[in-house]
Amino acid sequence: MSALTLKNIYKAFGDTEVLKDINIEVEQGEFVVFVGPSGCGKSTLLRVIAGLEDATSGEVHIDGKLVNMVPPSKRGIAMVFQSYALYPHLNVANNMSLALKQEGVSKSEIAERVQEASRMLQLDDYLKRYPSELSGGQRQRVAIGRAIVRQPKLFLLDEPLSNLDAALRVSTRLEIANLHKQLNATMIYVTHDQTEAMTLADKIVVLRDGRVEQVGSPMELYNKPANRFVAGFLGSPAMNFLPASLLDASDNRIMGLRPEYLYLADDGPFAARVQHVEHLGGDTNVIAMVGDHQVTVRLFGQHAIVAGQALKLGFDAENLLYFDAEN
């Protein structure tokens, strides 16, 4: 039985269409990431699953049960928000246990669940502290702990790392991945960050303008994108797009090449002029112009390349993709 099934979900706010014919199947224990640019509808879709927004039409099934008319508190979900949403007047232990107290769970079971979540999230030393006495990363762990103690059928996480600094995002991302493995839980995670999507997901749902563009594993989407939007959205640095006419004057298609599939070659078919060089230590990104088209070349290691330098570029033909000129 699927953990979540969305059938023909449509959502409009007045005349504004936000979600259009969304059909998604999430299996038990999967980590599924909704990813897309700002305004694509991913957070609205999460709120429809949670019951915080009503679908204009379509069906939401959780654990095989139609839940369109079921209130959020009865859907068996726990949600982690971008803003943490902690109660400032309650300490960590009470923030995590409040929902259980409201549900009438026994004191002994509450203590057991809080202790287990605290152990998983390394919060034992902070249980008596208040949110104002915690760092951003610690607050986020408390918010996740509050979800864990409820033992939900679905974890819903809405851009939970967006308020953290870069280093903390990496460490917390690892904590969430490890937590998913420990709990063997079904998680739906919303982000606009394609790196988070690629590193966390079992399955990625790419959204644009309220529609699903493609669903698949990270490597499926990376290696076999359904269209130019998906190809350009996933991957950092982004995929290069060049007219196929650079190789064959009669070809009207668009070529897609990942930066790592371009390389320096004295006899390469592309003449390039370097605009900028990003020295990253382990890698070097070379931004160059091929005619009127900008490309990024990702080179392993350190290279003495400077702006204004002329280069010849070859490419890995096995990884060359073609797109229609329109898409």
C-alpha atoms as a PDB file:
ATOM      1  CA  MET A   1       0.000   0.000   0.000  1.00  0.00           C
ATOM      2  CA  SER A   2       1.282   3.468  -0.905  1.00  0.00           C
ATOM      3  CA  ALA A   3       1.997   5.935   1.901  1.00  0.00           C
ATOM      4  CA  LEU A   4       0.609   8.805  -0.183  1.00  0.00           C
ATOM      5  CA  THR A   5      -1.388   9.019  -3.397  1.00  0.00           C
ATOM      6  CA  LEU A   6      -2.308  12.300  -5.071  1.00  0.00           C
ATOM      7  CA  LYS A   7      -4.913  12.017  -7.821  1.00  0.00           C
ATOM      8  CA  ASN A   8      -5.624  14.883 -10.231  1.00  0.00           C
ATOM      9  CA  ILE A   9      -4.933  17.574  -7.635  1.00  0.00           C
ATOM     10  CA  TYR A  10      -5.999  21.018  -8.799  1.00  0.00           C
ATOM     11  CA  LYS A  11      -5.778  24.144  -6.654  1.00  0.00           C
ATOM     12  CA  ALA A  12      -6.764  27.693  -7.486  1.00  0.00           C
ATOM     13  CA  PHE A  13      -6.929  30.871  -5.431  1.00  0.00           C
ATOM     14  CA  GLY A  14      -9.654  32.796  -7.199  1.00  0.00           C
ATOM     15  CA  ASP A  15      -8.609  33.034 -10.846  1.00  0.00           C
ATOM     16  CA  THR A  16      -5.011  32.093 -10.076  1.00  0.00           C
ATOM     17  CA  GLU A  17      -4.197  28.457 -10.847  1.00  0.00           C
ATOM     18  CA  VAL A  18      -1.509  27.189  -8.473  1.00  0.00           C
ATOM     19  CA  LEU A  19      -1.608  23.385  -8.921  1.00  0.00           C
ATOM     20  CA  LYS A  20      -2.665  21.703 -12.168  1.00  0.00           C
ATOM     21  CA  ASP A  21      -3.467  17.997 -12.453  1.00  0.00           C
ATOM     22  CA  ILE A  22      -0.904  16.675  -9.955  1.00  0.00           C
ATOM     23  CA  ASN A  23      -0.581  12.876  -9.842  1.00  0.00           C
ATOM     24  CA  ILE A  24       2.068  11.442  -7.492  1.00  0.00           C
ATOM     25  CA  GLU A  25       2.583   8.096  -5.767  1.00  0.00           C
ATOM     26  CA  VAL A  26       4.832   7.859  -2.679  1.00  0.00           C
ATOM     27  CA  GLU A  27       5.801   4.418  -1.376  1.00  0.00           C
ATOM     28  CA  GLN A  28       6.185   3.454   2.271  1.00  0.00           C
ATOM     29  CA  GLY A  29       9.572   4.534   3.618  1.00  0.00           C
ATOM     30  CA  GLU A  30      10.486   6.726   0.633  1.00  0.00           C
ATOM     31  CA  PHE A  31      12.226  10.084   0.939  1.00  0.00           C
ATOM     32  CA  VAL A  32      10.559  12.208  -1.726  1.00  0.00           C
ATOM     33  CA  VAL A  33      11.650  15.758  -2.496  1.00  0.00           C
ATOM     34  CA  PHE A  34       9.450  18.350  -4.204  1.00  0.00           C
ATOM     35  CA  VAL A  35      11.787  20.767  -5.940  1.00  0.00           C
ATOM     36  CA  GLY A  36      11.321  23.714  -8.232  1.00  0.00           C
ATOM     37  CA  PRO A  37      11.760  27.487  -8.482  1.00  0.00           C
ATOM     38  CA  SER A  38       9.943  29.933  -6.220  1.00  0.00           C
ATOM     39  CA  GLY A  39       6.258  30.114  -7.078  1.00  0.00           C
ATOM     40  CA  CYS A  40       6.059  26.660  -8.682  1.00  0.00           C
ATOM     41  CA  GLY A  41       3.471  25.416  -6.147  1.00  0.00           C
ATOM     42  CA  LYS A  42       5.575  23.019  -4.077  1.00  0.00           C
ATOM     43  CA  SER A  43       4.736  24.495  -0.650  1.00  0.00           C
ATOM     44  CA  THR A  44       1.053  24.782  -1.571  1.00  0.00           C
ATOM     45  CA  LEU A  45       1.089  21.112  -2.556  1.00  0.00           C
ATOM     46  CA  LEU A  46       2.602  20.197   0.818  1.00  0.00           C
ATOM     47  CA  ARG A  47      -0.106  22.206   2.585  1.00  0.00           C
ATOM     48  CA  VAL A  48      -2.791  20.387   0.585  1.00  0.00           C
ATOM     49  CA  ILE A  49      -1.316  17.053   1.738  1.00  0.00           C
ATOM     50  CA  ALA A  50      -1.281  18.312   5.329  1.00  0.00           C
ATOM     51  CA  GLY A  51      -4.859  19.604   5.119  1.00  0.00           C
ATOM     52  CA  LEU A  52      -3.826  23.206   5.758  1.00  0.00           C
ATOM     53  CA  GLU A  53      -5.224  24.029   2.295  1.00  0.00           C
ATOM     54  CA  ASP A  54      -8.179  22.359   0.589  1.00  0.00           C
ATOM     55  CA  ALA A  55      -7.684  21.064  -2.939  1.00  0.00           C
ATOM     56  CA  THR A  56     -10.099  22.705  -5.364  1.00  0.00           C
ATOM     57  CA  SER A  57     -10.492  19.248  -6.902  1.00  0.00           C
ATOM     58  CA  GLY A  58      -8.742  15.885  -6.811  1.00  0.00           C
ATOM     59  CA  GLU A  59      -8.046  13.324  -4.093  1.00  0.00           C
ATOM     60  CA  VAL A  60      -5.468  12.975  -1.313  1.00  0.00           C
ATOM     61  CA  HIS A  61      -4.990   9.431   0.022  1.00  0.00           C
ATOM     62  CA  ILE A  62      -2.757   8.767   3.057  1.00  0.00           C
ATOM     63  CA  ASP A  63      -2.031   5.145   3.913  1.00  0.00           C
ATOM     64  CA  GLY A  64      -4.816   4.054   1.561  1.00  0.00           C
ATOM     65  CA  LYS A  65      -7.454   6.341   3.089  1.00  0.00           C
ATOM     66  CA  LEU A  66      -9.125   9.295   1.367  1.00  0.00           C
ATOM     67  CA  VAL A  67      -8.432  12.265   3.654  1.00  0.00           C
ATOM     68  CA  ASN A  68      -9.822  15.279   1.779  1.00  0.00           C
ATOM     69  CA  MET A  69     -12.414  15.844   4.517  1.00  0.00           C
ATOM     70  CA  VAL A  70     -10.138  14.791   7.403  1.00  0.00           C
ATOM     71  CA  PRO A  71      -8.691  17.642   9.539  1.00  0.00           C
ATOM     72  CA  PRO A  72      -4.886  18.014   9.737  1.00  0.00           C
ATOM     73  CA  SER A  73      -4.692  16.680  13.300  1.00  0.00           C
ATOM     74  CA  LYS A  74      -6.315  13.404  12.231  1.00  0.00           C
ATOM     75  CA  ARG A  75      -4.286  12.729   9.073  1.00  0.00           C
ATOM     76  CA  GLY A  76      -1.346  11.039  10.786  1.00  0.00           C
ATOM     77  CA  ILE A  77       1.130  13.660   9.588  1.00  0.00           C
ATOM     78  CA  ALA A  78       3.738  15.802  11.328  1.00  0.00           C
ATOM     79  CA  MET A  79       5.025  18.978   9.706  1.00  0.00           C
ATOM     80  CA  VAL A  80       8.347  20.766  10.127  1.00  0.00           C
ATOM     81  CA  PHE A  81       8.224  24.419   9.073  1.00  0.00           C
ATOM     82  CA  GLN A  82      10.911  26.735   7.751  1.00  0.00           C
ATOM     83  CA  SER A  83      10.302  29.076  10.719  1.00  0.00           C
ATOM     84  CA  TYR A  84      10.672  26.278  13.341  1.00  0.00           C
ATOM     85  CA  ALA A  85       7.380  27.460  14.991  1.00  0.00           C
ATOM     86  CA  LEU A  86       8.575  26.719  18.537  1.00  0.00           C
ATOM     87  CA  TYR A  87       6.736  28.032  21.599  1.00  0.00           C
ATOM     88  CA  PRO A  88       9.096  30.600  23.187  1.00  0.00           C
ATOM     89  CA  HIS A  89       7.672  30.107  26.725  1.00  0.00           C
ATOM     90  CA  LEU A  90       8.272  26.329  26.693  1.00  0.00           C
ATOM     91  CA  ASN A  91      11.611  24.583  27.105  1.00  0.00           C
ATOM     92  CA  VAL A  92      12.862  21.992  24.619  1.00  0.00           C
ATOM     93  CA  ALA A  93      11.303  19.007  26.387  1.00  0.00           C
ATOM     94  CA  ASN A  94       7.909  20.686  26.649  1.00  0.00           C
ATOM     95  CA  ASN A  95       8.013  21.901  23.050  1.00  0.00           C
ATOM     96  CA  MET A  96       8.519  18.324  21.934  1.00  0.00           C
ATOM     97  CA  SER A  97       5.894  16.842  24.228  1.00  0.00           C
ATOM     98  CA  LEU A  98       3.069  19.392  23.965  1.00  0.00           C
ATOM     99  CA  ALA A  99       1.185  17.704  21.118  1.00  0.00           C
ATOM    100  CA  LEU A 100       1.348  14.357  22.905  1.00  0.00           C
ATOM    101  CA  LYS A 101      -0.100  15.898  26.080  1.00  0.00           C
ATOM    102  CA  GLN A 102      -2.940  17.382  24.042  1.00  0.00           C
ATOM    103  CA  GLU A 103      -3.617  13.950  22.549  1.00  0.00           C
ATOM    104  CA  GLY A 104      -3.849  12.404  26.028  1.00  0.00           C
ATOM    105  CA  VAL A 105      -0.759  10.189  25.757  1.00  0.00           C
ATOM    106  CA  SER A 106       0.388   8.838  29.126  1.00  0.00           C
ATOM    107  CA  LYS A 107       3.224  10.591  30.967  1.00  0.00           C
ATOM    108  CA  SER A 108       5.438   7.513  30.842  1.00  0.00           C
ATOM    109  CA  GLU A 109       5.055   7.124  27.076  1.00  0.00           C
ATOM    110  CA  ILE A 110       5.633  10.838  26.534  1.00  0.00           C
ATOM    111  CA  ALA A 111       8.868  10.657  28.526  1.00  0.00           C
ATOM    112  CA  GLU A 112       9.977   7.611  26.567  1.00  0.00           C
ATOM    113  CA  ARG A 113       9.278   9.192  23.168  1.00  0.00           C
ATOM    114  CA  VAL A 114      10.937  12.506  24.085  1.00  0.00           C
ATOM    115  CA  GLN A 115      13.991  10.670  25.417  1.00  0.00           C
ATOM    116  CA  GLU A 116      14.314   8.627  22.218  1.00  0.00           C
ATOM    117  CA  ALA A 117      13.947  11.673  19.942  1.00  0.00           C
ATOM    118  CA  SER A 118      16.410  13.619  22.080  1.00  0.00           C
ATOM    119  CA  ARG A 119      18.943  10.810  21.792  1.00  0.00           C
ATOM    120  CA  MET A 120      18.591  10.636  17.993  1.00  0.00           C
ATOM    121  CA  LEU A 121      18.990  14.400  17.618  1.00  0.00           C
ATOM    122  CA  GLN A 122      21.671  14.863  20.299  1.00  0.00           C
ATOM    123  CA  LEU A 123      19.487  17.222  22.325  1.00  0.00           C
ATOM    124  CA  ASP A 124      19.971  15.642  25.781  1.00  0.00           C
ATOM    125  CA  ASP A 125      21.989  18.623  27.028  1.00  0.00           C
ATOM    126  CA  TYR A 126      19.370  21.142  25.873  1.00  0.00           C
ATOM    127  CA  LEU A 127      16.068  19.715  27.163  1.00  0.00           C
ATOM    128  CA  LYS A 128      15.697  22.398  29.851  1.00  0.00           C
ATOM    129  CA  ARG A 129      16.690  25.294  27.612  1.00  0.00           C
ATOM    130  CA  TYR A 130      14.269  27.688  25.936  1.00  0.00           C
ATOM    131  CA  PRO A 131      14.256  28.482  22.184  1.00  0.00           C
ATOM    132  CA  SER A 132      15.922  31.860  22.785  1.00  0.00           C
ATOM    133  CA  GLU A 133      18.891  30.014  24.306  1.00  0.00           C
ATOM    134  CA  LEU A 134      19.429  27.825  21.216  1.00  0.00           C
ATOM    135  CA  SER A 135      21.233  28.261  17.928  1.00  0.00           C
ATOM    136  CA  GLY A 136      19.345  28.065  14.632  1.00  0.00           C
ATOM    137  CA  GLY A 137      20.498  24.504  14.047  1.00  0.00           C
ATOM    138  CA  GLN A 138      19.448  23.435  17.543  1.00  0.00           C
ATOM    139  CA  ARG A 139      16.012  25.016  17.089  1.00  0.00           C
ATOM    140  CA  GLN A 140      15.583  23.122  13.846  1.00  0.00           C
ATOM    141  CA  ARG A 141      16.471  19.864  15.573  1.00  0.00           C
ATOM    142  CA  VAL A 142      13.857  20.588  18.239  1.00  0.00           C
ATOM    143  CA  ALA A 143      11.253  21.165  15.519  1.00  0.00           C
ATOM    144  CA  ILE A 144      12.209  17.838  13.940  1.00  0.00           C
ATOM    145  CA  GLY A 145      12.103  16.175  17.378  1.00  0.00           C
ATOM    146  CA  ARG A 146       8.589  17.485  17.932  1.00  0.00           C
ATOM    147  CA  ALA A 147       7.591  15.726  14.693  1.00  0.00           C
ATOM    148  CA  ILE A 148       9.386  12.473  15.592  1.00  0.00           C
ATOM    149  CA  VAL A 149       7.632  12.006  18.947  1.00  0.00           C
ATOM    150  CA  ARG A 150       4.243  11.987  17.219  1.00  0.00           C
ATOM    151  CA  GLN A 151       5.256   8.847  15.260  1.00  0.00           C
ATOM    152  CA  PRO A 152       3.396  10.036  12.156  1.00  0.00           C
ATOM    153  CA  LYS A 153       2.576   8.142   8.977  1.00  0.00           C
ATOM    154  CA  LEU A 154       4.086  11.026   6.983  1.00  0.00           C
ATOM    155  CA  PHE A 155       6.768  13.577   7.792  1.00  0.00           C
ATOM    156  CA  LEU A 156       6.250  16.815   5.858  1.00  0.00           C
ATOM    157  CA  LEU A 157       9.244  19.187   5.809  1.00  0.00           C
ATOM    158  CA  ASP A 158       8.813  22.628   4.251  1.00  0.00           C
ATOM    159  CA  GLU A 159      12.238  24.133   3.391  1.00  0.00           C
ATOM    160  CA  PRO A 160      13.566  23.249   6.866  1.00  0.00           C
ATOM    161  CA  LEU A 161      17.163  24.327   6.173  1.00  0.00           C
ATOM    162  CA  SER A 162      16.621  27.657   4.440  1.00  0.00           C
ATOM    163  CA  ASN A 163      17.250  29.735   7.598  1.00  0.00           C
ATOM    164  CA  LEU A 164      20.592  28.064   8.350  1.00  0.00           C
ATOM    165  CA  ASP A 165      24.048  29.179   7.234  1.00  0.00           C
ATOM    166  CA  ALA A 166      25.884  27.172   4.564  1.00  0.00           C
ATOM    167  CA  ALA A 167      28.008  25.000   6.875  1.00  0.00           C
ATOM    168  CA  LEU A 168      25.076  24.215   9.169  1.00  0.00           C
ATOM    169  CA  ARG A 169      22.885  23.322   6.193  1.00  0.00           C
ATOM    170  CA  VAL A 170      25.357  20.622   5.182  1.00  0.00           C
ATOM    171  CA  SER A 171      25.561  19.076   8.668  1.00  0.00           C
ATOM    172  CA  THR A 172      21.794  19.264   9.264  1.00  0.00           C
ATOM    173  CA  ARG A 173      21.144  17.756   5.837  1.00  0.00           C
ATOM    174  CA  LEU A 174      23.278  14.784   6.881  1.00  0.00           C
ATOM    175  CA  GLU A 175      21.352  14.535  10.164  1.00  0.00           C
ATOM    176  CA  ILE A 176      18.034  14.402   8.272  1.00  0.00           C
ATOM    177  CA  ALA A 177      19.365  11.716   5.911  1.00  0.00           C
ATOM    178  CA  ASN A 178      20.572   9.607   8.857  1.00  0.00           C
ATOM    179  CA  LEU A 179      17.299  10.178  10.675  1.00  0.00           C
ATOM    180  CA  HIS A 180      15.341   8.894   7.684  1.00  0.00           C
ATOM    181  CA  LYS A 181      17.396   5.696   7.732  1.00  0.00           C
ATOM    182  CA  GLN A 182      16.965   5.218  11.489  1.00  0.00           C
ATOM    183  CA  LEU A 183      13.204   5.770  11.433  1.00  0.00           C
ATOM    184  CA  ASN A 184      12.535   4.085   8.083  1.00  0.00           C
ATOM    185  CA  ALA A 185       9.887   6.797   7.786  1.00  0.00           C
ATOM    186  CA  THR A 186       8.076   8.241   4.787  1.00  0.00           C
ATOM    187  CA  MET A 187       9.235  11.828   4.263  1.00  0.00           C
ATOM    188  CA  ILE A 188       8.072  14.555   1.895  1.00  0.00           C
ATOM    189  CA  TYR A 189      10.587  17.382   1.710  1.00  0.00           C
ATOM    190  CA  VAL A 190      10.098  20.707  -0.060  1.00  0.00           C
ATOM    191  CA  THR A 191      13.052  22.794  -1.260  1.00  0.00           C
ATOM    192  CA  HIS A 192      14.116  25.145  -4.032  1.00  0.00           C
ATOM    193  CA  ASP A 193      17.716  23.966  -3.553  1.00  0.00           C
ATOM    194  CA  GLN A 194      18.578  21.332  -6.147  1.00  0.00           C
ATOM    195  CA  THR A 195      21.636  20.229  -4.120  1.00  0.00           C
ATOM    196  CA  GLU A 196      19.371  19.286  -1.216  1.00  0.00           C
ATOM    197  CA  ALA A 197      17.118  17.425  -3.644  1.00  0.00           C
ATOM    198  CA  MET A 198      19.966  15.501  -5.253  1.00  0.00           C
ATOM    199  CA  THR A 199      21.651  14.507  -1.982  1.00  0.00           C
ATOM    200  CA  LEU A 200      18.584  13.578   0.090  1.00  0.00           C
ATOM    201  CA  ALA A 201      15.962  12.096  -2.205  1.00  0.00           C
ATOM    202  CA  ASP A 202      15.061   8.555  -3.128  1.00  0.00           C
ATOM    203  CA  LYS A 203      12.700  10.185  -5.613  1.00  0.00           C
ATOM    204  CA  ILE A 204      12.515  13.766  -6.887  1.00  0.00           C
ATOM    205  CA  VAL A 205       9.372  15.508  -8.137  1.00  0.00           C
ATOM    206  CA  VAL A 206      10.297  18.524 -10.286  1.00  0.00           C
ATOM    207  CA  LEU A 207       7.575  21.180 -10.398  1.00  0.00           C
ATOM    208  CA  ARG A 208       7.162  24.205 -12.633  1.00  0.00           C
ATOM    209  CA  ASP A 209       4.187  26.561 -12.833  1.00  0.00           C
ATOM    210  CA  GLY A 210       2.023  24.180 -10.831  1.00  0.00           C
ATOM    211  CA  ARG A 211       2.716  21.119 -12.989  1.00  0.00           C
ATOM    212  CA  VAL A 212       4.894  18.049 -12.539  1.00  0.00           C
ATOM    213  CA  GLU A 213       7.702  18.166 -15.096  1.00  0.00           C
ATOM    214  CA  GLN A 214       9.348  14.856 -14.188  1.00  0.00           C
ATOM    215  CA  VAL A 215       9.480  12.251 -11.404  1.00  0.00           C
ATOM    216  CA  GLY A 216      12.420   9.912 -10.857  1.00  0.00           C
ATOM    217  CA  SER A 217      15.549   9.123  -8.887  1.00  0.00           C
ATOM    218  CA  PRO A 218      18.219  11.849  -8.671  1.00  0.00           C
ATOM    219  CA  MET A 219      20.472  10.118 -11.205  1.00  0.00           C
ATOM    220  CA  GLU A 220      17.597   9.393 -13.594  1.00  0.00           C
ATOM    221  CA  LEU A 221      16.727  13.069 -13.684  1.00  0.00           C
ATOM    222  CA  TYR A 222      20.366  14.117 -13.923  1.00  0.00           C
ATOM    223  CA  ASN A 223      21.267  11.740 -16.740  1.00  0.00           C
ATOM    224  CA  LYS A 224      17.942  11.551 -18.590  1.00  0.00           C
ATOM    225  CA  PRO A 225      16.040  14.796 -18.062  1.00  0.00           C
ATOM    226  CA  ALA A 226      12.634  14.860 -19.735  1.00  0.00           C
ATOM    227  CA  ASN A 227      13.059  18.384 -21.049  1.00  0.00           C
ATOM    228  CA  ARG A 228      15.308  21.399 -21.078  1.00  0.00           C
ATOM    229  CA  PHE A 229      13.810  22.855 -17.887  1.00  0.00           C
ATOM    230  CA  VAL A 230      14.666  19.775 -15.809  1.00  0.00           C
ATOM    231  CA  ALA A 231      18.088  19.548 -17.447  1.00  0.00           C
ATOM    232  CA  GLY A 232      18.884  23.155 -16.594  1.00  0.00           C
ATOM    233  CA  PHE A 233      17.421  23.111 -13.103  1.00  0.00           C
ATOM    234  CA  LEU A 234      19.260  20.073 -11.722  1.00  0.00           C
ATOM    235  CA  GLY A 235      23.043  20.157 -11.570  1.00  0.00           C
ATOM    236  CA  SER A 236      25.577  22.668 -10.297  1.00  0.00           C
ATOM    237  CA  PRO A 237      27.059  24.298 -12.273  1.00  0.00           C
ATOM    238  CA  ALA A 238      24.038  24.186 -14.562  1.00  0.00           C
ATOM    239  CA  MET A 239      23.953  22.339 -17.873  1.00  0.00           C
ATOM    240  CA  ASN A 240      25.312  24.174 -20.927  1.00  0.00           C
ATOM    241  CA  PHE A 241      23.012  24.662 -23.932  1.00  0.00           C
ATOM    242  CA  LEU A 242      24.463  25.245 -27.388  1.00  0.00           C
ATOM    243  CA  PRO A 243      22.894  25.211 -30.853  1.00  0.00           C
ATOM    244  CA  ALA A 244      23.582  21.917 -32.641  1.00  0.00           C
ATOM    245  CA  SER A 245      24.315  23.979 -35.745  1.00  0.00           C
ATOM    246  CA  LEU A 246      27.778  24.598 -34.271  1.00  0.00           C
ATOM    247  CA  LEU A 247      28.532  21.007 -35.287  1.00  0.00           C
ATOM    248  CA  ASP A 248      26.104  20.600 -38.198  1.00  0.00           C
ATOM    249  CA  ALA A 249      24.735  23.673 -39.984  1.00  0.00           C
ATOM    250  CA  SER A 250      21.529  21.828 -40.914  1.00  0.00           C
ATOM    251  CA  ASP A 251      20.676  20.763 -37.341  1.00  0.00           C
ATOM    252  CA  ASN A 252      18.067  22.963 -35.565  1.00  0.00           C
ATOM    253  CA  ARG A 253      18.178  21.240 -32.212  1.00  0.00           C
ATOM    254  CA  ILE A 254      19.776  22.375 -28.947  1.00  0.00           C
ATOM    255  CA  MET A 255      22.694  20.443 -27.451  1.00  0.00           C
ATOM    256  CA  GLY A 256      22.912  19.941 -23.699  1.00  0.00           C
ATOM    257  CA  LEU A 257      26.288  19.299 -22.088  1.00  0.00           C
ATOM    258  CA  ARG A 258      27.055  19.141 -18.376  1.00  0.00           C
ATOM    259  CA  PRO A 259      30.116  21.254 -17.423  1.00  0.00           C
ATOM    260  CA  GLU A 260      32.037  18.101 -16.433  1.00  0.00           C
ATOM    261  CA  TYR A 261      31.588  16.663 -19.947  1.00  0.00           C
ATOM    262  CA  LEU A 262      33.519  19.507 -21.588  1.00  0.00           C
ATOM    263  CA  TYR A 263      37.307  19.431 -21.525  1.00  0.00           C
ATOM    264  CA  LEU A 264      40.390  21.181 -22.896  1.00  0.00           C
ATOM    265  CA  ALA A 265      41.454  19.780 -26.288  1.00  0.00           C
ATOM    266  CA  ASP A 266      43.803  21.363 -28.833  1.00  0.00           C
ATOM    267  CA  ASP A 267      41.794  19.793 -31.653  1.00  0.00           C
ATOM    268  CA  GLY A 268      38.374  20.340 -30.046  1.00  0.00           C
ATOM    269  CA  PRO A 269      35.458  21.578 -32.183  1.00  0.00           C
ATOM    270  CA  PHE A 270      34.592  24.575 -29.979  1.00  0.00           C
ATOM    271  CA  ALA A 271      36.727  27.717 -29.984  1.00  0.00           C
ATOM    272  CA  ALA A 272      36.220  29.545 -26.691  1.00  0.00           C
ATOM    273  CA  ARG A 273      37.330  32.785 -25.055  1.00  0.00           C
ATOM    274  CA  VAL A 274      37.630  32.757 -21.242  1.00  0.00           C
ATOM    275  CA  GLN A 275      35.504  35.304 -19.387  1.00  0.00           C
ATOM    276  CA  HIS A 276      36.091  34.297 -15.786  1.00  0.00           C
ATOM    277  CA  VAL A 277      37.757  31.535 -13.762  1.00  0.00           C
ATOM    278  CA  GLU A 278      36.505  30.177 -10.436  1.00  0.00           C
ATOM    279  CA  HIS A 279      39.358  28.554  -8.515  1.00  0.00           C
ATOM    280  CA  LEU A 280      37.685  26.218  -6.003  1.00  0.00           C
ATOM    281  CA  GLY A 281      40.771  24.276  -4.929  1.00  0.00           C
ATOM    282  CA  GLY A 282      39.731  20.760  -5.877  1.00  0.00           C
ATOM    283  CA  ASP A 283      37.963  21.975  -9.035  1.00  0.00           C
ATOM    284  CA  THR A 284      38.253  24.844 -11.470  1.00  0.00           C
ATOM    285  CA  ASN A 285      35.206  26.301 -13.194  1.00  0.00           C
ATOM    286  CA  VAL A 286      35.985  28.095 -16.429  1.00  0.00           C
ATOM    287  CA  ILE A 287      33.265  30.413 -17.764  1.00  0.00           C
ATOM    288  CA  ALA A 288      33.851  31.076 -21.445  1.00  0.00           C
ATOM    289  CA  MET A 289      32.129  32.250 -24.618  1.00  0.00           C
ATOM    290  CA  VAL A 290      31.691  29.946 -27.589  1.00  0.00           C
ATOM    291  CA  GLY A 291      30.636  32.441 -30.201  1.00  0.00           C
ATOM    292  CA  ASP A 292      27.680  34.249 -28.620  1.00  0.00           C
ATOM    293  CA  HIS A 293      26.987  31.436 -26.149  1.00  0.00           C
ATOM    294  CA  GLN A 294      28.277  31.230 -22.589  1.00  0.00           C
ATOM    295  CA  VAL A 295      29.456  27.861 -21.305  1.00  0.00           C
ATOM    296  CA  THR A 296      30.890  26.580 -18.039  1.00  0.00           C
ATOM    297  CA  VAL A 297      33.671  23.991 -18.090  1.00  0.00           C
ATOM    298  CA  ARG A 298      34.286  22.052 -14.886  1.00  0.00           C
ATOM    299  CA  LEU A 299      37.887  20.868 -14.677  1.00  0.00           C
ATOM    300  CA  PHE A 300      39.275  18.588 -11.997  1.00  0.00           C
ATOM    301  CA  GLY A 301      42.127  20.069  -9.993  1.00  0.00           C
ATOM    302  CA  GLN A 302      43.885  23.423 -10.318  1.00  0.00           C
ATOM    303  CA  HIS A 303      44.553  25.108 -13.663  1.00  0.00           C
ATOM    304  CA  ALA A 304      46.484  28.247 -14.625  1.00  0.00           C
ATOM    305  CA  ILE A 305      43.813  29.681 -16.907  1.00  0.00           C
ATOM    306  CA  VAL A 306      43.111  33.420 -17.043  1.00  0.00           C
ATOM    307  CA  ALA A 307      40.396  35.703 -18.375  1.00  0.00           C
ATOM    308  CA  GLY A 308      40.845  36.576 -22.052  1.00  0.00           C
ATOM    309  CA  GLN A 309      42.649  33.317 -22.854  1.00  0.00           C
ATOM    310  CA  ALA A 310      41.662  31.438 -26.023  1.00  0.00           C
ATOM    311  CA  LEU A 311      40.844  27.754 -25.587  1.00  0.00           C
ATOM    312  CA  LYS A 312      39.699  24.814 -27.664  1.00  0.00           C
ATOM    313  CA  LEU A 313      37.078  22.587 -26.067  1.00  0.00           C
ATOM    314  CA  GLY A 314      36.162  18.978 -26.719  1.00  0.00           C
ATOM    315  CA  PHE A 315      33.212  17.109 -25.284  1.00  0.00           C
ATOM    316  CA  ASP A 316      32.102  13.663 -24.152  1.00  0.00           C
ATOM    317  CA  ALA A 317      29.809  12.578 -26.992  1.00  0.00           C
ATOM    318  CA  GLU A 318      28.272   9.741 -24.956  1.00  0.00           C
ATOM    319  CA  ASN A 319      26.770  12.268 -22.573  1.00  0.00           C
ATOM    320  CA  LEU A 320      25.567  14.746 -25.169  1.00  0.00           C
ATOM    321  CA  LEU A 321      21.809  15.400 -24.985  1.00  0.00           C
ATOM    322  CA  TYR A 322      19.588  16.935 -27.657  1.00  0.00           C
ATOM    323  CA  PHE A 323      16.476  19.045 -27.091  1.00  0.00           C
ATOM    324  CA  ASP A 324      13.894  20.486 -29.430  1.00  0.00           C
ATOM    325  CA  ALA A 325      14.537  24.160 -30.062  1.00  0.00           C
ATOM    326  CA  GLU A 326      11.210  25.017 -28.346  1.00  0.00           C
ATOM    327  CA  ASN A 327      11.889  22.860 -25.251  1.00  0.00           C
END
